[in-house]
C-alpha cells in the first residue's frame, strides 16, 4: 500500500474521527517534536500512518490488524518496531524507558487536551462512529473509557506532551463525563 491507498482507507465511510484528518493532526504533532533522529522520525511517521488503517468500531482487534498490515508493507528494517508501536495504541500503556512509544501514545492522545471546541467535535465524531450502539450503552461504555484515562497518574507518557496537555485533558474528560451524566466513580 502506498500513501494514496492509505489515505483512501482513512476516507472509508463511517470514519468520522479515525480518518485522514486524525492522521494529519498526528503528523503535525510529530513535526513539533524535537530531538529525534531521522530514523526515529521515519519510524514514528510510519507508525502514525498505519496505526488506525484498520478501523471497525464493532471489532476489538483493529490495532493488531493494523500492525500486521504495516508489517507486510513497511520497509524491512522498520517493520518490527512499527508493528510494536502500533500495538501500543490498543492500551496506550508504555514503559517509562520507551521513548518512541511515549511519543506515539502522547501524539495519539493529544486530542484529549485540545481546546474545548475541538475536543467536543472529537467526542461527537466518536459518537457517530459508534452510532450502532444505543445511547444508554454508549454513555456507559464511553464513560468507562474516559474514567480509565482520567484515573491515570500520567495520561501523556512523554513529559513535553504531559506539560502541555495534561491539565486541559483532565478538564475535557470531566466535562464529557458530566455531559454523559456520569462521574469519576
N, C-alpha and C. Protein backbone atom coordinates (compact mmCIF):
# COMPACT_ATOMS: atom_id res chain seq x y z
N UNK A 1 0.84 -1.19 0.00
CA UNK A 1 0.00 0.00 0.00
C UNK A 1 0.88 1.25 0.00
N UNK A 2 0.56 2.15 -0.86
CA UNK A 2 1.27 3.43 -0.87
C UNK A 2 0.46 4.46 -0.09
N UNK A 3 0.96 5.69 -0.01
CA UNK A 3 0.28 6.73 0.77
C UNK A 3 -1.12 7.01 0.24
N UNK A 4 -1.30 6.98 -1.09
CA UNK A 4 -2.63 7.21 -1.66
C UNK A 4 -3.61 6.14 -1.22
N UNK A 5 -3.17 4.89 -1.19
CA UNK A 5 -4.04 3.80 -0.75
C UNK A 5 -4.34 3.91 0.74
N UNK A 6 -3.33 4.32 1.51
CA UNK A 6 -3.55 4.54 2.95
C UNK A 6 -4.57 5.66 3.15
N UNK A 7 -4.40 6.76 2.43
CA UNK A 7 -5.34 7.88 2.55
C UNK A 7 -6.75 7.43 2.18
N UNK A 8 -6.87 6.59 1.17
CA UNK A 8 -8.19 6.08 0.77
C UNK A 8 -8.80 5.24 1.88
N UNK A 9 -7.99 4.44 2.57
CA UNK A 9 -8.51 3.63 3.69
C UNK A 9 -9.07 4.54 4.78
N UNK A 10 -8.39 5.65 5.04
CA UNK A 10 -8.84 6.58 6.07
C UNK A 10 -10.07 7.38 5.63
N UNK A 11 -10.40 7.33 4.35
CA UNK A 11 -11.57 8.04 3.84
C UNK A 11 -12.80 7.14 3.74
N UNK A 12 -12.70 5.92 4.24
CA UNK A 12 -13.81 4.97 4.16
C UNK A 12 -15.04 5.50 4.89
N UNK A 13 -16.21 5.13 4.43
CA UNK A 13 -17.45 5.56 5.10
C UNK A 13 -17.45 5.14 6.57
N UNK A 14 -18.04 5.97 7.40
CA UNK A 14 -18.15 5.65 8.82
C UNK A 14 -16.99 6.13 9.66
N UNK A 15 -15.96 6.65 9.01
CA UNK A 15 -14.81 7.18 9.75
C UNK A 15 -15.05 8.67 9.98
N UNK A 16 -15.45 8.98 11.18
CA UNK A 16 -15.74 10.38 11.50
C UNK A 16 -14.60 11.02 12.29
N UNK A 17 -13.90 10.21 13.09
CA UNK A 17 -12.71 10.71 13.78
C UNK A 17 -11.45 9.99 13.30
N UNK A 18 -11.50 8.68 13.20
CA UNK A 18 -10.33 7.89 12.80
C UNK A 18 -10.15 7.97 11.29
N UNK A 19 -9.91 9.18 10.82
CA UNK A 19 -9.84 9.46 9.39
C UNK A 19 -8.53 10.17 9.05
N UNK A 20 -8.44 10.68 7.84
CA UNK A 20 -7.21 11.32 7.38
C UNK A 20 -6.90 12.58 8.19
N UNK A 21 -7.91 13.30 8.64
CA UNK A 21 -7.65 14.50 9.46
C UNK A 21 -6.94 14.12 10.76
N UNK A 22 -7.30 12.98 11.35
CA UNK A 22 -6.61 12.50 12.56
C UNK A 22 -5.15 12.21 12.25
N UNK A 23 -4.89 11.58 11.13
CA UNK A 23 -3.50 11.27 10.74
C UNK A 23 -2.74 12.58 10.52
N UNK A 24 -3.34 13.52 9.83
CA UNK A 24 -2.68 14.81 9.59
C UNK A 24 -2.40 15.54 10.90
N UNK A 25 -3.34 15.49 11.85
CA UNK A 25 -3.12 16.10 13.17
C UNK A 25 -1.96 15.43 13.89
N UNK A 26 -1.91 14.10 13.81
CA UNK A 26 -0.81 13.36 14.45
C UNK A 26 0.53 13.69 13.81
N UNK A 27 0.55 13.77 12.49
CA UNK A 27 1.80 14.12 11.79
C UNK A 27 2.24 15.54 12.14
N UNK A 28 1.29 16.46 12.28
CA UNK A 28 1.62 17.83 12.68
C UNK A 28 2.20 17.84 14.09
N UNK A 29 1.63 17.05 14.98
CA UNK A 29 2.17 16.96 16.35
C UNK A 29 3.58 16.38 16.33
N UNK A 30 3.81 15.38 15.50
CA UNK A 30 5.15 14.80 15.38
C UNK A 30 6.14 15.84 14.87
N UNK A 31 5.73 16.67 13.94
CA UNK A 31 6.62 17.69 13.39
C UNK A 31 7.10 18.66 14.46
N UNK A 32 6.33 18.81 15.53
CA UNK A 32 6.71 19.72 16.62
C UNK A 32 7.61 19.06 17.66
N UNK A 33 7.84 17.76 17.54
CA UNK A 33 8.68 17.04 18.49
C UNK A 33 10.14 17.21 18.08
N UNK A 34 10.94 17.69 19.00
CA UNK A 34 12.36 17.86 18.72
C UNK A 34 13.19 16.69 19.21
N UNK A 35 14.45 16.71 18.86
CA UNK A 35 15.40 15.73 19.38
C UNK A 35 15.26 14.33 18.84
N UNK A 36 14.66 14.18 17.67
CA UNK A 36 14.53 12.86 17.06
C UNK A 36 15.54 12.71 15.93
N UNK A 37 16.10 11.52 15.81
CA UNK A 37 16.96 11.24 14.67
C UNK A 37 16.06 11.05 13.44
N UNK A 38 16.66 11.07 12.28
CA UNK A 38 15.90 10.86 11.05
C UNK A 38 15.24 9.48 11.07
N UNK A 39 15.94 8.48 11.57
CA UNK A 39 15.39 7.12 11.64
C UNK A 39 14.21 7.05 12.61
N UNK A 40 14.33 7.72 13.75
CA UNK A 40 13.23 7.73 14.72
C UNK A 40 12.00 8.44 14.15
N UNK A 41 12.25 9.54 13.47
CA UNK A 41 11.14 10.30 12.88
C UNK A 41 10.45 9.46 11.79
N UNK A 42 11.23 8.77 10.99
CA UNK A 42 10.65 7.90 9.95
C UNK A 42 9.82 6.78 10.58
N UNK A 43 10.34 6.18 11.65
CA UNK A 43 9.62 5.10 12.32
C UNK A 43 8.29 5.59 12.89
N UNK A 44 8.32 6.76 13.54
CA UNK A 44 7.09 7.32 14.10
C UNK A 44 6.12 7.74 13.00
N UNK A 45 6.63 8.27 11.91
CA UNK A 45 5.78 8.64 10.78
C UNK A 45 5.04 7.42 10.24
N UNK A 46 5.77 6.34 10.05
CA UNK A 46 5.14 5.10 9.57
C UNK A 46 4.11 4.59 10.58
N UNK A 47 4.45 4.62 11.85
CA UNK A 47 3.51 4.15 12.88
C UNK A 47 2.24 5.00 12.88
N UNK A 48 2.39 6.29 12.71
CA UNK A 48 1.21 7.17 12.65
C UNK A 48 0.35 6.83 11.44
N UNK A 49 0.97 6.71 10.29
CA UNK A 49 0.21 6.42 9.08
C UNK A 49 -0.55 5.10 9.18
N UNK A 50 0.03 4.11 9.82
CA UNK A 50 -0.55 2.77 9.84
C UNK A 50 -1.40 2.48 11.08
N UNK A 51 -1.33 3.29 12.14
CA UNK A 51 -1.89 2.85 13.42
C UNK A 51 -3.40 2.68 13.43
N UNK A 52 -4.12 3.37 12.59
CA UNK A 52 -5.58 3.22 12.51
C UNK A 52 -6.04 2.82 11.11
N UNK A 53 -5.16 2.25 10.31
CA UNK A 53 -5.54 1.93 8.93
C UNK A 53 -6.70 0.94 8.91
N UNK A 54 -6.74 0.04 9.87
CA UNK A 54 -7.89 -0.85 10.03
C UNK A 54 -8.69 -0.30 11.19
N UNK A 55 -9.92 0.11 10.92
CA UNK A 55 -10.77 0.64 11.99
C UNK A 55 -12.21 0.23 11.75
N UNK A 56 -12.68 -0.64 12.60
CA UNK A 56 -14.07 -1.10 12.57
C UNK A 56 -14.55 -1.05 14.02
N UNK A 57 -15.46 -0.13 14.36
CA UNK A 57 -15.85 0.05 15.75
C UNK A 57 -16.55 -1.16 16.38
N UNK A 58 -16.91 -2.15 15.59
CA UNK A 58 -17.52 -3.35 16.18
C UNK A 58 -16.49 -4.43 16.49
N UNK A 59 -15.24 -4.18 16.14
CA UNK A 59 -14.18 -5.17 16.39
C UNK A 59 -13.24 -4.68 17.48
N UNK A 60 -12.57 -5.63 18.11
CA UNK A 60 -11.62 -5.28 19.18
C UNK A 60 -10.18 -5.56 18.76
N UNK A 61 -9.95 -5.93 17.51
CA UNK A 61 -8.61 -6.28 17.06
C UNK A 61 -8.06 -5.32 16.01
N UNK A 62 -8.57 -4.10 15.97
CA UNK A 62 -8.14 -3.14 14.96
C UNK A 62 -6.65 -2.86 15.02
N UNK A 63 -6.11 -2.67 16.23
CA UNK A 63 -4.68 -2.35 16.37
C UNK A 63 -3.82 -3.50 15.88
N UNK A 64 -4.20 -4.72 16.24
CA UNK A 64 -3.44 -5.89 15.80
C UNK A 64 -3.49 -6.02 14.28
N UNK A 65 -4.65 -5.84 13.72
CA UNK A 65 -4.80 -5.94 12.27
C UNK A 65 -4.04 -4.82 11.56
N UNK A 66 -4.05 -3.62 12.13
CA UNK A 66 -3.28 -2.51 11.56
C UNK A 66 -1.79 -2.81 11.63
N UNK A 67 -1.34 -3.34 12.76
CA UNK A 67 0.08 -3.68 12.93
C UNK A 67 0.50 -4.74 11.93
N UNK A 68 -0.32 -5.75 11.76
CA UNK A 68 0.01 -6.82 10.81
C UNK A 68 0.09 -6.29 9.39
N UNK A 69 -0.83 -5.41 9.04
CA UNK A 69 -0.81 -4.83 7.70
C UNK A 69 0.45 -3.98 7.50
N UNK A 70 0.79 -3.20 8.51
CA UNK A 70 2.01 -2.39 8.44
C UNK A 70 3.23 -3.29 8.26
N UNK A 71 3.27 -4.38 9.01
CA UNK A 71 4.43 -5.28 8.93
C UNK A 71 4.55 -5.93 7.56
N UNK A 72 3.47 -5.97 6.82
CA UNK A 72 3.52 -6.51 5.45
C UNK A 72 4.01 -5.47 4.45
N UNK A 73 3.86 -4.18 4.78
CA UNK A 73 4.11 -3.14 3.78
C UNK A 73 5.26 -2.17 4.10
N UNK A 74 5.60 -2.02 5.35
CA UNK A 74 6.65 -1.07 5.73
C UNK A 74 8.01 -1.67 5.39
N UNK A 75 8.93 -0.79 5.05
CA UNK A 75 10.29 -1.18 4.70
C UNK A 75 10.88 -2.14 5.75
N UNK A 76 11.56 -3.16 5.32
CA UNK A 76 12.06 -4.27 6.13
C UNK A 76 12.61 -3.95 7.49
N UNK A 77 13.57 -3.02 7.57
CA UNK A 77 14.22 -2.76 8.85
C UNK A 77 13.33 -2.02 9.84
N UNK A 78 12.23 -1.47 9.37
CA UNK A 78 11.31 -0.74 10.24
C UNK A 78 10.12 -1.59 10.71
N UNK A 79 9.87 -2.69 10.03
CA UNK A 79 8.63 -3.46 10.23
C UNK A 79 8.35 -3.82 11.67
N UNK A 80 9.31 -4.44 12.31
CA UNK A 80 9.07 -4.95 13.67
C UNK A 80 8.76 -3.82 14.64
N UNK A 81 9.55 -2.75 14.59
CA UNK A 81 9.35 -1.64 15.52
C UNK A 81 8.06 -0.89 15.22
N UNK A 82 7.72 -0.69 13.97
CA UNK A 82 6.46 -0.03 13.63
C UNK A 82 5.29 -0.86 14.14
N UNK A 83 5.35 -2.16 13.93
CA UNK A 83 4.30 -3.04 14.44
C UNK A 83 4.18 -2.97 15.96
N UNK A 84 5.30 -2.96 16.64
CA UNK A 84 5.29 -2.86 18.11
C UNK A 84 4.65 -1.55 18.56
N UNK A 85 5.03 -0.46 17.91
CA UNK A 85 4.48 0.85 18.28
C UNK A 85 2.97 0.89 18.06
N UNK A 86 2.51 0.37 16.95
CA UNK A 86 1.07 0.36 16.67
C UNK A 86 0.33 -0.44 17.74
N UNK A 87 0.88 -1.57 18.14
CA UNK A 87 0.22 -2.41 19.15
C UNK A 87 0.07 -1.67 20.48
N UNK A 88 0.93 -0.71 20.76
CA UNK A 88 0.81 0.07 22.00
C UNK A 88 -0.48 0.89 22.02
N UNK A 89 -1.02 1.22 20.85
CA UNK A 89 -2.22 2.06 20.82
C UNK A 89 -3.47 1.29 21.25
N UNK A 90 -3.36 0.01 21.47
CA UNK A 90 -4.51 -0.77 21.98
C UNK A 90 -4.82 -0.37 23.42
N UNK A 91 -3.78 -0.28 24.26
CA UNK A 91 -3.98 0.03 25.68
C UNK A 91 -3.47 1.42 26.05
N UNK A 92 -2.61 1.98 25.22
CA UNK A 92 -1.94 3.25 25.50
C UNK A 92 -1.04 3.15 26.73
N UNK A 93 -0.61 1.95 27.08
CA UNK A 93 0.33 1.74 28.19
C UNK A 93 1.73 1.62 27.61
N UNK A 94 2.66 2.35 28.23
CA UNK A 94 4.04 2.41 27.72
C UNK A 94 5.00 2.32 28.89
N UNK A 95 6.05 1.54 28.73
CA UNK A 95 7.11 1.51 29.74
C UNK A 95 7.79 2.87 29.80
N UNK A 96 8.22 3.24 30.99
CA UNK A 96 8.86 4.56 31.17
C UNK A 96 10.09 4.74 30.29
N UNK A 97 10.78 3.66 29.98
CA UNK A 97 12.01 3.75 29.19
C UNK A 97 11.76 3.74 27.68
N UNK A 98 10.51 3.63 27.25
CA UNK A 98 10.17 3.52 25.83
C UNK A 98 9.87 4.91 25.26
N UNK A 99 10.91 5.62 24.86
CA UNK A 99 10.76 7.00 24.40
C UNK A 99 9.86 7.11 23.16
N UNK A 100 10.11 6.26 22.15
CA UNK A 100 9.31 6.34 20.93
C UNK A 100 7.86 5.96 21.21
N UNK A 101 7.66 4.96 22.05
CA UNK A 101 6.30 4.58 22.43
C UNK A 101 5.60 5.71 23.15
N UNK A 102 6.33 6.38 24.05
CA UNK A 102 5.76 7.50 24.81
C UNK A 102 5.35 8.63 23.87
N UNK A 103 6.17 8.89 22.87
CA UNK A 103 5.85 9.96 21.91
C UNK A 103 4.62 9.58 21.09
N UNK A 104 4.59 8.35 20.56
CA UNK A 104 3.44 7.94 19.74
C UNK A 104 2.14 7.98 20.54
N UNK A 105 2.16 7.43 21.73
CA UNK A 105 0.94 7.40 22.55
C UNK A 105 0.52 8.83 22.90
N UNK A 106 1.46 9.66 23.24
CA UNK A 106 1.14 11.05 23.57
C UNK A 106 0.55 11.78 22.37
N UNK A 107 1.09 11.54 21.19
CA UNK A 107 0.55 12.13 19.97
C UNK A 107 -0.87 11.64 19.74
N UNK A 108 -1.08 10.34 19.86
CA UNK A 108 -2.40 9.76 19.61
C UNK A 108 -3.44 10.30 20.58
N UNK A 109 -3.03 10.56 21.82
CA UNK A 109 -3.96 11.06 22.84
C UNK A 109 -4.01 12.58 22.92
N UNK A 110 -3.26 13.27 22.10
CA UNK A 110 -3.21 14.74 22.20
C UNK A 110 -4.59 15.37 22.04
N UNK A 111 -5.50 14.73 21.33
CA UNK A 111 -6.85 15.26 21.16
C UNK A 111 -7.55 15.46 22.51
N UNK A 112 -7.21 14.65 23.49
CA UNK A 112 -7.85 14.77 24.80
C UNK A 112 -7.56 16.13 25.44
N UNK A 113 -6.42 16.72 25.10
CA UNK A 113 -6.04 18.01 25.65
C UNK A 113 -6.29 19.18 24.73
N UNK A 114 -7.08 18.95 23.70
CA UNK A 114 -7.38 20.02 22.74
C UNK A 114 -8.27 21.08 23.38
N UNK A 115 -8.37 22.23 22.72
CA UNK A 115 -9.30 23.26 23.20
C UNK A 115 -10.70 22.67 23.23
N UNK A 116 -11.58 23.18 24.10
CA UNK A 116 -12.91 22.57 24.27
C UNK A 116 -13.71 22.38 22.99
N UNK A 117 -13.68 23.32 22.08
CA UNK A 117 -14.46 23.18 20.85
C UNK A 117 -13.94 22.02 20.00
N UNK A 118 -12.62 21.91 19.89
CA UNK A 118 -12.02 20.82 19.12
C UNK A 118 -12.29 19.49 19.80
N UNK A 119 -12.18 19.47 21.12
CA UNK A 119 -12.46 18.24 21.87
C UNK A 119 -13.92 17.83 21.67
N UNK A 120 -14.84 18.78 21.75
CA UNK A 120 -16.26 18.46 21.59
C UNK A 120 -16.54 17.90 20.19
N UNK A 121 -15.87 18.43 19.18
CA UNK A 121 -16.03 17.90 17.82
C UNK A 121 -15.51 16.46 17.75
N UNK A 122 -14.38 16.20 18.43
CA UNK A 122 -13.84 14.84 18.51
C UNK A 122 -14.84 13.91 19.19
N UNK A 123 -15.39 14.32 20.33
CA UNK A 123 -16.33 13.49 21.07
C UNK A 123 -17.57 13.19 20.22
N UNK A 124 -18.05 14.19 19.49
CA UNK A 124 -19.21 13.98 18.62
C UNK A 124 -18.87 13.02 17.48
N UNK A 125 -17.67 13.12 16.95
CA UNK A 125 -17.24 12.23 15.87
C UNK A 125 -17.13 10.79 16.37
N UNK A 126 -16.62 10.60 17.57
CA UNK A 126 -16.56 9.26 18.16
C UNK A 126 -17.97 8.71 18.32
N UNK A 127 -18.89 9.53 18.79
CA UNK A 127 -20.27 9.06 18.93
C UNK A 127 -20.83 8.60 17.59
N UNK A 128 -20.54 9.36 16.52
CA UNK A 128 -21.02 8.97 15.19
C UNK A 128 -20.41 7.64 14.76
N UNK A 129 -19.13 7.41 15.11
CA UNK A 129 -18.51 6.13 14.76
C UNK A 129 -19.18 4.97 15.48
N UNK A 130 -19.77 5.26 16.62
CA UNK A 130 -20.45 4.22 17.40
C UNK A 130 -21.97 4.38 17.33
N UNK A 131 -22.47 4.83 16.19
CA UNK A 131 -23.90 5.05 16.04
C UNK A 131 -24.70 3.75 16.14
N UNK A 132 -24.04 2.62 15.97
CA UNK A 132 -24.71 1.32 16.08
C UNK A 132 -25.01 0.94 17.54
N UNK A 133 -24.46 1.71 18.49
CA UNK A 133 -24.64 1.43 19.92
C UNK A 133 -25.75 2.32 20.46
N UNK A 134 -26.63 1.74 21.26
CA UNK A 134 -27.73 2.53 21.84
C UNK A 134 -27.15 3.66 22.70
N UNK A 135 -27.94 4.71 22.88
CA UNK A 135 -27.48 5.87 23.65
C UNK A 135 -27.10 5.48 25.07
N UNK A 136 -27.92 4.69 25.73
CA UNK A 136 -27.60 4.33 27.12
C UNK A 136 -26.35 3.47 27.20
N UNK A 137 -26.20 2.51 26.30
CA UNK A 137 -24.99 1.67 26.30
C UNK A 137 -23.76 2.50 25.95
N UNK A 138 -23.92 3.43 25.01
CA UNK A 138 -22.79 4.29 24.64
C UNK A 138 -22.34 5.12 25.84
N UNK A 139 -23.26 5.72 26.54
CA UNK A 139 -22.92 6.55 27.69
C UNK A 139 -22.12 5.76 28.72
N UNK A 140 -22.55 4.54 29.00
CA UNK A 140 -21.85 3.70 29.98
C UNK A 140 -20.46 3.32 29.47
N UNK A 141 -20.39 2.87 28.22
CA UNK A 141 -19.11 2.44 27.65
C UNK A 141 -18.13 3.59 27.47
N UNK A 142 -18.62 4.69 26.97
CA UNK A 142 -17.75 5.86 26.78
C UNK A 142 -17.25 6.37 28.12
N UNK A 143 -18.13 6.42 29.12
CA UNK A 143 -17.71 6.86 30.45
C UNK A 143 -16.64 5.94 31.03
N UNK A 144 -16.76 4.65 30.77
CA UNK A 144 -15.74 3.69 31.25
C UNK A 144 -14.38 4.03 30.65
N UNK A 145 -14.36 4.31 29.36
CA UNK A 145 -13.10 4.66 28.68
C UNK A 145 -12.54 5.97 29.25
N UNK A 146 -13.39 6.97 29.37
CA UNK A 146 -12.94 8.28 29.86
C UNK A 146 -12.42 8.19 31.30
N UNK A 147 -13.12 7.43 32.15
CA UNK A 147 -12.67 7.29 33.54
C UNK A 147 -11.32 6.58 33.60
N UNK A 148 -11.11 5.62 32.70
CA UNK A 148 -9.82 4.93 32.67
C UNK A 148 -8.68 5.91 32.40
N UNK A 149 -8.88 6.82 31.45
CA UNK A 149 -7.85 7.83 31.18
C UNK A 149 -7.73 8.82 32.34
N UNK A 150 -8.85 9.26 32.87
CA UNK A 150 -8.83 10.25 33.96
C UNK A 150 -8.16 9.69 35.22
N UNK A 151 -8.26 8.39 35.42
CA UNK A 151 -7.69 7.78 36.62
C UNK A 151 -6.18 7.57 36.52
N UNK A 152 -5.63 7.73 35.36
CA UNK A 152 -4.18 7.54 35.19
C UNK A 152 -3.42 8.65 35.90
N UNK A 153 -2.35 8.26 36.54
CA UNK A 153 -1.48 9.27 37.13
C UNK A 153 -0.88 10.13 36.03
N UNK A 154 -0.57 9.47 34.92
CA UNK A 154 0.01 10.16 33.76
C UNK A 154 -0.80 9.78 32.52
N UNK A 155 -1.45 10.75 31.92
CA UNK A 155 -2.18 10.49 30.67
C UNK A 155 -1.20 10.45 29.51
N UNK A 156 -0.26 11.39 29.52
CA UNK A 156 0.72 11.52 28.44
C UNK A 156 2.07 11.04 28.93
N UNK A 157 2.55 9.90 28.42
CA UNK A 157 3.84 9.38 28.90
C UNK A 157 5.05 10.22 28.49
N UNK A 158 4.91 11.04 27.47
CA UNK A 158 6.01 11.94 27.09
C UNK A 158 5.90 13.20 27.93
N UNK A 159 6.98 13.59 28.63
CA UNK A 159 6.90 14.73 29.54
C UNK A 159 6.52 16.06 28.88
N UNK A 160 6.96 16.29 27.66
CA UNK A 160 6.61 17.54 26.98
C UNK A 160 5.11 17.60 26.69
N UNK A 161 4.55 16.49 26.24
CA UNK A 161 3.11 16.44 26.00
C UNK A 161 2.35 16.56 27.31
N UNK A 162 2.85 15.91 28.36
CA UNK A 162 2.18 15.98 29.67
C UNK A 162 2.11 17.42 30.15
N UNK A 163 3.22 18.14 30.01
CA UNK A 163 3.26 19.53 30.47
C UNK A 163 2.26 20.40 29.70
N UNK A 164 2.07 20.10 28.43
CA UNK A 164 1.20 20.92 27.59
C UNK A 164 -0.27 20.51 27.70
N UNK A 165 -0.55 19.21 27.80
CA UNK A 165 -1.91 18.73 27.60
C UNK A 165 -2.58 18.13 28.83
N UNK A 166 -1.85 17.79 29.88
CA UNK A 166 -2.48 17.04 30.97
C UNK A 166 -3.64 17.82 31.60
N UNK A 167 -3.43 19.05 31.98
CA UNK A 167 -4.49 19.82 32.65
C UNK A 167 -5.72 20.00 31.76
N UNK A 168 -5.56 20.45 30.50
CA UNK A 168 -6.76 20.57 29.67
C UNK A 168 -7.42 19.22 29.38
N UNK A 169 -6.63 18.15 29.28
CA UNK A 169 -7.22 16.83 29.05
C UNK A 169 -8.11 16.43 30.21
N UNK A 170 -7.64 16.64 31.42
CA UNK A 170 -8.44 16.28 32.60
C UNK A 170 -9.72 17.11 32.66
N UNK A 171 -9.63 18.37 32.28
CA UNK A 171 -10.82 19.22 32.26
C UNK A 171 -11.81 18.72 31.19
N UNK A 172 -11.30 18.37 30.02
CA UNK A 172 -12.18 17.86 28.96
C UNK A 172 -12.83 16.54 29.35
N UNK A 173 -12.05 15.65 29.96
CA UNK A 173 -12.61 14.36 30.39
C UNK A 173 -13.72 14.57 31.41
N UNK A 174 -13.49 15.44 32.38
CA UNK A 174 -14.50 15.72 33.40
C UNK A 174 -15.75 16.32 32.77
N UNK A 175 -15.55 17.22 31.82
CA UNK A 175 -16.67 17.88 31.15
C UNK A 175 -17.50 16.88 30.35
N UNK A 176 -16.82 15.98 29.62
CA UNK A 176 -17.57 14.99 28.84
C UNK A 176 -18.27 14.00 29.76
N UNK A 177 -17.60 13.59 30.83
CA UNK A 177 -18.27 12.69 31.78
C UNK A 177 -19.54 13.33 32.33
N UNK A 178 -19.47 14.60 32.66
CA UNK A 178 -20.65 15.30 33.16
C UNK A 178 -21.74 15.35 32.09
N UNK A 179 -21.35 15.61 30.84
CA UNK A 179 -22.32 15.66 29.75
C UNK A 179 -22.97 14.29 29.51
N UNK A 180 -22.22 13.23 29.80
CA UNK A 180 -22.76 11.88 29.64
C UNK A 180 -23.63 11.49 30.84
N UNK A 181 -23.69 12.38 31.85
CA UNK A 181 -24.45 12.06 33.04
C UNK A 181 -23.70 11.08 33.92
N UNK A 182 -22.38 11.07 33.79
CA UNK A 182 -21.53 10.14 34.55
C UNK A 182 -20.59 10.96 35.44
N UNK A 183 -19.94 10.27 36.35
CA UNK A 183 -18.94 10.93 37.17
C UNK A 183 -17.69 10.07 37.18
N UNK A 184 -16.74 10.44 38.04
CA UNK A 184 -15.47 9.72 38.06
C UNK A 184 -15.52 8.42 38.82
N UNK A 185 -16.59 8.11 39.50
CA UNK A 185 -16.67 6.90 40.33
C UNK A 185 -16.64 5.64 39.49
